[in-house]
C-alpha atoms as a PDB file:
ATOM      1  CA  UNK A   1     105.257 195.114 136.730  1.00  0.00           C
ATOM      2  CA  UNK A   2     104.809 196.504 140.239  1.00  0.00           C
ATOM      3  CA  UNK A   3     104.078 193.053 141.681  1.00  0.00           C
ATOM      4  CA  UNK A   4     107.128 191.628 139.894  1.00  0.00           C
ATOM      5  CA  UNK A   5     109.304 194.413 141.342  1.00  0.00           C
ATOM      6  CA  UNK A   6     107.962 193.699 144.830  1.00  0.00           C
ATOM      7  CA  UNK A   7     108.640 190.005 144.365  1.00  0.00           C
ATOM      8  CA  UNK A   8     112.241 190.633 143.290  1.00  0.00           C
ATOM      9  CA  UNK A   9     112.869 192.939 146.242  1.00  0.00           C
ATOM     10  CA  UNK A  10     111.499 190.388 148.695  1.00  0.00           C
ATOM     11  CA  UNK A  11     113.646 187.685 147.105  1.00  0.00           C
ATOM     12  CA  UNK A  12     116.765 189.817 147.620  1.00  0.00           C
ATOM     13  CA  UNK A  13     115.787 190.698 151.191  1.00  0.00           C
ATOM     14  CA  UNK A  14     115.111 187.037 151.947  1.00  0.00           C
ATOM     15  CA  UNK A  15     118.535 186.116 150.584  1.00  0.00           C
ATOM     16  CA  UNK A  16     120.257 188.627 152.874  1.00  0.00           C
ATOM     17  CA  UNK A  17     118.280 187.527 155.954  1.00  0.00           C
ATOM     18  CA  UNK A  18     119.032 183.875 155.187  1.00  0.00           C
ATOM     19  CA  UNK A  19     122.782 184.508 155.182  1.00  0.00           C
ATOM     20  CA  UNK A  20     122.640 186.793 158.212  1.00  0.00           C
ATOM     21  CA  UNK A  21     120.742 184.373 160.433  1.00  0.00           C
ATOM     22  CA  UNK A  22     122.619 181.272 159.275  1.00  0.00           C
ATOM     23  CA  UNK A  23     126.118 182.584 160.032  1.00  0.00           C
ATOM     24  CA  UNK A  24     125.152 184.911 162.848  1.00  0.00           C
ATOM     25  CA  UNK A  25     122.689 182.985 164.977  1.00  0.00           C
ATOM     26  CA  UNK A  26     122.806 179.288 163.994  1.00  0.00           C
ATOM     27  CA  UNK A  27     119.542 179.217 162.123  1.00  0.00           C
ATOM     28  CA  UNK A  28     115.994 180.245 162.832  1.00  0.00           C
ATOM     29  CA  UNK A  29     115.949 181.558 159.266  1.00  0.00           C
ATOM     30  CA  UNK A  30     112.383 180.451 158.613  1.00  0.00           C
ATOM     31  CA  UNK A  31     110.804 182.791 161.153  1.00  0.00           C
ATOM     32  CA  UNK A  32     111.233 185.670 158.677  1.00  0.00           C
ATOM     33  CA  UNK A  33     112.176 184.199 155.313  1.00  0.00           C
ATOM     34  CA  UNK A  34     109.416 181.609 154.832  1.00  0.00           C
ATOM     35  CA  UNK A  35     106.492 183.868 155.894  1.00  0.00           C
ATOM     36  CA  UNK A  36     107.996 186.756 153.907  1.00  0.00           C
ATOM     37  CA  UNK A  37     108.222 184.747 150.696  1.00  0.00           C
ATOM     38  CA  UNK A  38     104.762 183.281 151.304  1.00  0.00           C
ATOM     39  CA  UNK A  39     103.282 186.779 150.900  1.00  0.00           C
ATOM     40  CA  UNK A  40     104.204 186.840 147.200  1.00  0.00           C
ATOM     41  CA  UNK A  41     104.104 183.136 146.299  1.00  0.00           C
ATOM     42  CA  UNK A  42     102.565 179.899 147.471  1.00  0.00           C
ATOM     43  CA  UNK A  43     103.758 178.259 150.675  1.00  0.00           C
ATOM     44  CA  UNK A  44     105.260 175.372 148.720  1.00  0.00           C
ATOM     45  CA  UNK A  45     107.141 177.757 146.428  1.00  0.00           C
ATOM     46  CA  UNK A  46     108.487 179.655 149.448  1.00  0.00           C
ATOM     47  CA  UNK A  47     109.723 176.435 151.052  1.00  0.00           C
ATOM     48  CA  UNK A  48     111.259 175.279 147.784  1.00  0.00           C
ATOM     49  CA  UNK A  49     113.091 178.485 146.892  1.00  0.00           C
ATOM     50  CA  UNK A  50     114.458 178.991 150.416  1.00  0.00           C
ATOM     51  CA  UNK A  51     116.025 175.530 150.637  1.00  0.00           C
ATOM     52  CA  UNK A  52     118.827 175.966 148.027  1.00  0.00           C
ATOM     53  CA  UNK A  53     119.823 179.198 149.770  1.00  0.00           C
ATOM     54  CA  UNK A  54     119.972 177.419 153.119  1.00  0.00           C
ATOM     55  CA  UNK A  55     122.096 174.634 151.665  1.00  0.00           C
ATOM     56  CA  UNK A  56     124.510 177.056 149.994  1.00  0.00           C
ATOM     57  CA  UNK A  57     124.767 178.914 153.318  1.00  0.00           C
ATOM     58  CA  UNK A  58     125.704 175.664 155.041  1.00  0.00           C
ATOM     59  CA  UNK A  59     128.449 175.026 152.495  1.00  0.00           C
ATOM     60  CA  UNK A  60     129.872 178.549 152.911  1.00  0.00           C
ATOM     61  CA  UNK A  61     129.648 178.314 156.706  1.00  0.00           C
ATOM     62  CA  UNK A  62     131.929 175.264 156.587  1.00  0.00           C
ATOM     63  CA  UNK A  63     134.680 177.669 155.556  1.00  0.00           C
ATOM     64  CA  UNK A  64     133.664 180.455 157.930  1.00  0.00           C
ATOM     65  CA  UNK A  65     133.495 178.151 160.972  1.00  0.00           C
ATOM     66  CA  UNK A  66     135.897 175.385 159.915  1.00  0.00           C
ATOM     67  CA  UNK A  67     136.696 172.991 162.757  1.00  0.00           C
ATOM     68  CA  UNK A  68     134.519 174.848 165.264  1.00  0.00           C
ATOM     69  CA  UNK A  69     132.083 172.012 165.870  1.00  0.00           C
ATOM     70  CA  UNK A  70     131.419 169.225 168.328  1.00  0.00           C
ATOM     71  CA  UNK A  71     131.132 165.798 166.678  1.00  0.00           C
ATOM     72  CA  UNK A  72     129.547 164.150 169.712  1.00  0.00           C
ATOM     73  CA  UNK A  73     126.679 166.638 169.807  1.00  0.00           C
ATOM     74  CA  UNK A  74     126.257 166.363 166.035  1.00  0.00           C
ATOM     75  CA  UNK A  75     126.102 162.562 166.146  1.00  0.00           C
ATOM     76  CA  UNK A  76     123.403 162.591 168.818  1.00  0.00           C
ATOM     77  CA  UNK A  77     121.013 165.063 167.171  1.00  0.00           C
ATOM     78  CA  UNK A  78     121.326 164.240 163.446  1.00  0.00           C
ATOM     79  CA  UNK A  79     119.635 160.779 163.253  1.00  0.00           C
ATOM     80  CA  UNK A  80     116.369 162.033 164.735  1.00  0.00           C
ATOM     81  CA  UNK A  81     116.428 164.979 162.347  1.00  0.00           C
ATOM     82  CA  UNK A  82     116.758 162.729 159.302  1.00  0.00           C
ATOM     83  CA  UNK A  83     113.816 160.607 160.466  1.00  0.00           C
ATOM     84  CA  UNK A  84     111.723 163.738 161.086  1.00  0.00           C
ATOM     85  CA  UNK A  85     112.334 164.957 157.538  1.00  0.00           C
ATOM     86  CA  UNK A  86     111.322 161.649 155.961  1.00  0.00           C
ATOM     87  CA  UNK A  87     108.110 161.545 158.003  1.00  0.00           C
ATOM     88  CA  UNK A  88     107.102 165.174 157.504  1.00  0.00           C
ATOM     89  CA  UNK A  89     107.818 165.675 153.788  1.00  0.00           C
ATOM     90  CA  UNK A  90     104.841 163.450 152.942  1.00  0.00           C
ATOM     91  CA  UNK A  91     102.617 165.718 155.026  1.00  0.00           C
ATOM     92  CA  UNK A  92     103.944 168.933 153.432  1.00  0.00           C
ATOM     93  CA  UNK A  93     103.430 167.582 149.904  1.00  0.00           C
ATOM     94  CA  UNK A  94      99.817 166.566 150.585  1.00  0.00           C
ATOM     95  CA  UNK A  95      98.707 169.419 152.873  1.00  0.00           C
ATOM     96  CA  UNK A  96      96.362 171.958 151.228  1.00  0.00           C
ATOM     97  CA  UNK A  97      97.880 175.393 150.609  1.00  0.00           C
ATOM     98  CA  UNK A  98      95.620 177.101 153.158  1.00  0.00           C
ATOM     99  CA  UNK A  99      96.611 174.765 155.984  1.00  0.00           C
ATOM    100  CA  UNK A 100     100.284 174.767 155.015  1.00  0.00           C
ATOM    101  CA  UNK A 101     100.364 178.559 155.386  1.00  0.00           C
ATOM    102  CA  UNK A 102      98.577 178.251 158.727  1.00  0.00           C
ATOM    103  CA  UNK A 103     101.169 175.710 159.867  1.00  0.00           C
ATOM    104  CA  UNK A 104     104.015 178.032 158.892  1.00  0.00           C
ATOM    105  CA  UNK A 105     102.334 180.841 160.835  1.00  0.00           C
ATOM    106  CA  UNK A 106     101.851 178.703 163.945  1.00  0.00           C
ATOM    107  CA  UNK A 107     105.454 177.488 163.937  1.00  0.00           C
ATOM    108  CA  UNK A 108     106.676 181.041 163.413  1.00  0.00           C
ATOM    109  CA  UNK A 109     104.768 182.220 166.494  1.00  0.00           C
ATOM    110  CA  UNK A 110     105.898 179.202 168.511  1.00  0.00           C
ATOM    111  CA  UNK A 111     109.498 180.051 167.651  1.00  0.00           C
ATOM    112  CA  UNK A 112     109.329 183.322 169.611  1.00  0.00           C
ATOM    113  CA  UNK A 113     108.843 182.024 173.189  1.00  0.00           C
ATOM    114  CA  UNK A 114     111.282 179.166 172.570  1.00  0.00           C
ATOM    115  CA  UNK A 115     113.917 181.609 171.341  1.00  0.00           C
ATOM    116  CA  UNK A 116     113.399 183.827 174.390  1.00  0.00           C
ATOM    117  CA  UNK A 117     113.763 180.801 176.683  1.00  0.00           C
ATOM    118  CA  UNK A 118     116.921 179.875 174.805  1.00  0.00           C
ATOM    119  CA  UNK A 119     118.379 183.343 175.424  1.00  0.00           C
ATOM    120  CA  UNK A 120     117.406 183.493 179.092  1.00  0.00           C
ATOM    121  CA  UNK A 121     116.794 180.185 180.858  1.00  0.00           C
ATOM    122  CA  UNK A 122     118.654 177.493 178.905  1.00  0.00           C
ATOM    123  CA  UNK A 123     121.937 179.397 178.676  1.00  0.00           C
ATOM    124  CA  UNK A 124     122.325 179.076 182.451  1.00  0.00           C
ATOM    125  CA  UNK A 125     122.368 175.259 182.458  1.00  0.00           C
ATOM    126  CA  UNK A 126     125.630 173.487 183.199  1.00  0.00           C
ATOM    127  CA  UNK A 127     126.473 170.944 180.441  1.00  0.00           C
ATOM    128  CA  UNK A 128     128.235 168.771 183.026  1.00  0.00           C
ATOM    129  CA  UNK A 129     124.975 168.166 184.834  1.00  0.00           C
ATOM    130  CA  UNK A 130     123.616 165.879 182.079  1.00  0.00           C
ATOM    131  CA  UNK A 131     124.481 162.183 182.050  1.00  0.00           C
ATOM    132  CA  UNK A 132     125.378 160.516 178.750  1.00  0.00           C
ATOM    133  CA  UNK A 133     122.007 158.739 178.784  1.00  0.00           C
ATOM    134  CA  UNK A 134     120.199 162.039 179.196  1.00  0.00           C
ATOM    135  CA  UNK A 135     122.222 163.592 176.364  1.00  0.00           C
ATOM    136  CA  UNK A 136     121.358 160.687 174.045  1.00  0.00           C
ATOM    137  CA  UNK A 137     117.647 160.914 174.850  1.00  0.00           C
ATOM    138  CA  UNK A 138     117.683 164.704 174.499  1.00  0.00           C
ATOM    139  CA  UNK A 139     119.530 164.451 171.188  1.00  0.00           C
ATOM    140  CA  UNK A 140     117.026 162.000 169.707  1.00  0.00           C
ATOM    141  CA  UNK A 141     113.989 164.001 170.846  1.00  0.00           C
ATOM    142  CA  UNK A 142     115.255 167.412 169.777  1.00  0.00           C
ATOM    143  CA  UNK A 143     116.612 165.909 166.565  1.00  0.00           C
ATOM    144  CA  UNK A 144     113.175 164.523 165.645  1.00  0.00           C
ATOM    145  CA  UNK A 145     111.514 167.866 166.445  1.00  0.00           C
ATOM    146  CA  UNK A 146     114.177 169.682 164.416  1.00  0.00           C
ATOM    147  CA  UNK A 147     113.493 167.455 161.410  1.00  0.00           C
ATOM    148  CA  UNK A 148     109.748 168.065 161.639  1.00  0.00           C
ATOM    149  CA  UNK A 149     109.994 171.838 162.068  1.00  0.00           C
ATOM    150  CA  UNK A 150     112.697 172.375 159.442  1.00  0.00           C
ATOM    151  CA  UNK A 151     110.597 170.499 156.889  1.00  0.00           C
ATOM    152  CA  UNK A 152     107.362 172.345 157.696  1.00  0.00           C
ATOM    153  CA  UNK A 153     108.748 175.893 157.728  1.00  0.00           C
ATOM    154  CA  UNK A 154     112.595 175.912 157.818  1.00  0.00           C
ATOM    155  CA  UNK A 155     112.432 176.696 161.550  1.00  0.00           C
ATOM    156  CA  UNK A 156     114.452 173.774 162.882  1.00  0.00           C
ATOM    157  CA  UNK A 157     116.557 176.472 164.509  1.00  0.00           C
ATOM    158  CA  UNK A 158     113.841 176.862 167.119  1.00  0.00           C
ATOM    159  CA  UNK A 159     114.854 173.521 168.637  1.00  0.00           C
ATOM    160  CA  UNK A 160     118.430 172.525 167.758  1.00  0.00           C
ATOM    161  CA  UNK A 161     120.174 175.513 169.426  1.00  0.00           C
ATOM    162  CA  UNK A 162     118.444 174.654 172.693  1.00  0.00           C
ATOM    163  CA  UNK A 163     119.994 171.192 172.552  1.00  0.00           C
ATOM    164  CA  UNK A 164     123.422 172.615 171.757  1.00  0.00           C
ATOM    165  CA  UNK A 165     123.174 175.124 174.615  1.00  0.00           C
ATOM    166  CA  UNK A 166     122.425 172.292 177.025  1.00  0.00           C
ATOM    167  CA  UNK A 167     125.326 170.027 176.013  1.00  0.00           C
ATOM    168  CA  UNK A 168     128.134 172.190 174.574  1.00  0.00           C
ATOM    169  CA  UNK A 169     130.899 173.644 176.779  1.00  0.00           C
ATOM    170  CA  UNK A 170     130.258 177.292 177.608  1.00  0.00           C
ATOM    171  CA  UNK A 171     133.697 178.511 176.512  1.00  0.00           C
ATOM    172  CA  UNK A 172     133.522 179.798 172.935  1.00  0.00           C
ATOM    173  CA  UNK A 173     129.979 178.480 172.619  1.00  0.00           C
ATOM    174  CA  UNK A 174     128.784 180.983 169.986  1.00  0.00           C
ATOM    175  CA  UNK A 175     131.190 179.789 167.292  1.00  0.00           C
ATOM    176  CA  UNK A 176     130.887 176.126 168.355  1.00  0.00           C
ATOM    177  CA  UNK A 177     127.112 176.332 168.256  1.00  0.00           C
ATOM    178  CA  UNK A 178     127.052 177.808 164.742  1.00  0.00           C
ATOM    179  CA  UNK A 179     129.742 175.378 163.550  1.00  0.00           C
ATOM    180  CA  UNK A 180     127.917 172.348 164.942  1.00  0.00           C
ATOM    181  CA  UNK A 181     124.586 173.559 163.587  1.00  0.00           C
ATOM    182  CA  UNK A 182     126.236 174.025 160.171  1.00  0.00           C
ATOM    183  CA  UNK A 183     127.223 170.359 160.013  1.00  0.00           C
ATOM    184  CA  UNK A 184     123.793 169.199 161.218  1.00  0.00           C
ATOM    185  CA  UNK A 185     121.877 171.374 158.764  1.00  0.00           C
ATOM    186  CA  UNK A 186     124.176 170.503 155.898  1.00  0.00           C
ATOM    187  CA  UNK A 187     123.182 166.863 156.387  1.00  0.00           C
ATOM    188  CA  UNK A 188     119.494 167.642 156.986  1.00  0.00           C
ATOM    189  CA  UNK A 189     119.208 170.069 154.065  1.00  0.00           C
ATOM    190  CA  UNK A 190     121.003 167.618 151.788  1.00  0.00           C
ATOM    191  CA  UNK A 191     118.237 165.090 152.502  1.00  0.00           C
ATOM    192  CA  UNK A 192     115.577 167.808 152.113  1.00  0.00           C
ATOM    193  CA  UNK A 193     116.937 168.662 148.661  1.00  0.00           C
ATOM    194  CA  UNK A 194     116.183 165.086 147.640  1.00  0.00           C
ATOM    195  CA  UNK A 195     112.760 164.828 149.285  1.00  0.00           C
ATOM    196  CA  UNK A 196     111.648 168.327 148.205  1.00  0.00           C
ATOM    197  CA  UNK A 197     112.666 167.650 144.608  1.00  0.00           C
ATOM    198  CA  UNK A 198     110.868 164.315 144.545  1.00  0.00           C
ATOM    199  CA  UNK A 199     107.830 165.948 146.155  1.00  0.00           C
ATOM    200  CA  UNK A 200     107.705 168.756 143.563  1.00  0.00           C
ATOM    201  CA  UNK A 201     108.576 171.591 145.960  1.00  0.00           C
ATOM    202  CA  UNK A 202     111.813 172.300 144.078  1.00  0.00           C
ATOM    203  CA  UNK A 203     111.381 172.690 140.323  1.00  0.00           C
ATOM    204  CA  UNK A 204     113.420 173.934 137.362  1.00  0.00           C
ATOM    205  CA  UNK A 205     111.780 177.334 137.770  1.00  0.00           C
ATOM    206  CA  UNK A 206     112.889 177.394 141.416  1.00  0.00           C
ATOM    207  CA  UNK A 207     116.498 176.726 140.492  1.00  0.00           C
ATOM    208  CA  UNK A 208     116.467 179.397 137.749  1.00  0.00           C
ATOM    209  CA  UNK A 209     115.737 182.053 140.388  1.00  0.00           C
ATOM    210  CA  UNK A 210     118.566 181.066 142.733  1.00  0.00           C
ATOM    211  CA  UNK A 211     121.609 182.585 140.898  1.00  0.00           C
ATOM    212  CA  UNK A 212     120.312 186.160 141.094  1.00  0.00           C
ATOM    213  CA  UNK A 213     119.824 185.758 144.854  1.00  0.00           C
ATOM    214  CA  UNK A 214     123.404 184.669 145.572  1.00  0.00           C
ATOM    215  CA  UNK A 215     125.071 188.131 145.869  1.00  0.00           C
ATOM    216  CA  UNK A 216     122.766 189.239 148.706  1.00  0.00           C
ATOM    217  CA  UNK A 217     123.133 185.828 150.326  1.00  0.00           C
ATOM    218  CA  UNK A 218     126.921 186.302 150.362  1.00  0.00           C
ATOM    219  CA  UNK A 219     126.564 189.760 151.921  1.00  0.00           C
ATOM    220  CA  UNK A 220     124.291 188.348 154.623  1.00  0.00           C
ATOM    221  CA  UNK A 221     126.707 185.538 155.425  1.00  0.00           C
ATOM    222  CA  UNK A 222     129.621 187.957 155.839  1.00  0.00           C
ATOM    223  CA  UNK A 223     127.599 190.361 157.983  1.00  0.00           C
ATOM    224  CA  UNK A 224     126.395 187.468 160.152  1.00  0.00           C
ATOM    225  CA  UNK A 225     129.954 186.230 160.603  1.00  0.00           C
ATOM    226  CA  UNK A 226     131.007 189.714 161.692  1.00  0.00           C
ATOM    227  CA  UNK A 227     128.158 189.943 164.188  1.00  0.00           C
ATOM    228  CA  UNK A 228     129.100 186.546 165.608  1.00  0.00           C
ATOM    229  CA  UNK A 229     132.783 187.515 165.965  1.00  0.00           C
ATOM    230  CA  UNK A 230     132.672 191.111 167.157  1.00  0.00           C
ATOM    231  CA  UNK A 231     129.401 191.573 168.975  1.00  0.00           C
ATOM    232  CA  UNK A 232     127.888 189.839 171.940  1.00  0.00           C
ATOM    233  CA  UNK A 233     125.759 190.168 175.011  1.00  0.00           C
ATOM    234  CA  UNK A 234     122.873 192.621 175.083  1.00  0.00           C
ATOM    235  CA  UNK A 235     123.590 194.145 171.640  1.00  0.00           C
ATOM    236  CA  UNK A 236     123.061 190.837 169.871  1.00  0.00           C
ATOM    237  CA  UNK A 237     120.094 190.060 172.126  1.00  0.00           C
ATOM    238  CA  UNK A 238     118.347 193.278 171.118  1.00  0.00           C
ATOM    239  CA  UNK A 239     118.952 192.515 167.445  1.00  0.00           C
ATOM    240  CA  UNK A 240     117.439 189.059 167.897  1.00  0.00           C
ATOM    241  CA  UNK A 241     114.410 190.571 169.636  1.00  0.00           C
ATOM    242  CA  UNK A 242     113.864 192.834 166.615  1.00  0.00           C
ATOM    243  CA  UNK A 243     114.066 189.822 164.304  1.00  0.00           C
ATOM    244  CA  UNK A 244     111.579 187.959 166.498  1.00  0.00           C
ATOM    245  CA  UNK A 245     109.215 190.928 166.406  1.00  0.00           C
ATOM    246  CA  UNK A 246     109.283 191.151 162.615  1.00  0.00           C
ATOM    247  CA  UNK A 247     108.937 187.388 162.291  1.00  0.00           C
ATOM    248  CA  UNK A 248     105.998 187.388 164.679  1.00  0.00           C
ATOM    249  CA  UNK A 249     104.133 189.980 162.605  1.00  0.00           C
ATOM    250  CA  UNK A 250     104.726 188.020 159.385  1.00  0.00           C
ATOM    251  CA  UNK A 251     103.684 184.737 161.019  1.00  0.00           C
ATOM    252  CA  UNK A 252     100.532 186.341 162.423  1.00  0.00           C
ATOM    253  CA  UNK A 253      99.581 187.630 158.961  1.00  0.00           C
ATOM    254  CA  UNK A 254      99.850 184.106 157.571  1.00  0.00           C
ATOM    255  CA  UNK A 255      97.828 182.718 160.456  1.00  0.00           C
ATOM    256  CA  UNK A 256      95.058 185.285 159.919  1.00  0.00           C
ATOM    257  CA  UNK A 257      94.922 184.895 156.127  1.00  0.00           C
ATOM    258  CA  UNK A 258      91.359 184.121 154.986  1.00  0.00           C
ATOM    259  CA  UNK A 259      90.355 180.980 153.184  1.00  0.00           C
ATOM    260  CA  UNK A 260      90.389 181.216 149.370  1.00  0.00           C
ATOM    261  CA  UNK A 261      86.568 181.029 149.273  1.00  0.00           C
ATOM    262  CA  UNK A 262      86.398 184.022 151.638  1.00  0.00           C
ATOM    263  CA  UNK A 263      88.699 186.010 149.339  1.00  0.00           C
ATOM    264  CA  UNK A 264      86.535 185.157 146.334  1.00  0.00           C
ATOM    265  CA  UNK A 265      83.342 186.225 148.154  1.00  0.00           C
ATOM    266  CA  UNK A 266      84.884 189.584 149.082  1.00  0.00           C
ATOM    267  CA  UNK A 267      85.993 190.427 145.545  1.00  0.00           C
ATOM    268  CA  UNK A 268      83.983 193.325 143.970  1.00  0.00           C
ATOM    269  CA  UNK A 269      81.613 192.254 141.268  1.00  0.00           C
ATOM    270  CA  UNK A 270      82.147 193.692 137.797  1.00  0.00           C
ATOM    271  CA  UNK A 271      78.806 195.304 136.842  1.00  0.00           C
ATOM    272  CA  UNK A 272      79.484 194.629 133.149  1.00  0.00           C
ATOM    273  CA  UNK A 273      79.292 190.902 133.821  1.00  0.00           C
ATOM    274  CA  UNK A 274      75.791 191.126 135.278  1.00  0.00           C
ATOM    275  CA  UNK A 275      72.938 190.015 133.091  1.00  0.00           C
END
């Protein structure tokens, strides 16, 4: 009963964080949500149950950020992302549970320095300094990386915002970035719904758990929208640093998790079973 209560609480918390990060910071959801869920379920289950929430968030964000997107940037980054998903889903389906959790942990830790660079270095670049050829090349490369990372751990947000920061006009960039990312991830997550279902990561049991998670998801989306609209500068930066810190701890725990055989060897022996 206690473990079931803990599981339900983590599901609700994950729902809120998913909505908050999707509408507030253009993604990066997986740095907390995927490792958090992986503490009470398998890595594949955590990837599968998080995906419907991400997709629903994308649909809601269409209304919250309607028209605040850049079609040129979307068109350049999306094809590579679709290819990355198709290539990586096969790996996720076949990867042993132990190594899948390790991969999620590694990507979660890698997210942290990239996010800090995004908040410090990349925001100072002038979009006008990139030629159209450079933007195309950058879009294809970051799109492919986004597809790989979003399939492995739902952390495509560690790459795509960097691309948007480099090519989008600076005026009103927060809303444009989230709006553009919404369109991109709607398309990517739509494909992931197909590949994850075919690969067995999304099951009937997964979908039965989604409805009870929707209220907290809605709250998170509204709070994230408010943060995006009314806060900025150092206050948002400090909040993101807190999120990165929590995500780093969760990712490190996954990375340091022992092999199943090590767990079995460390289990106390029941003296009644001895002969």
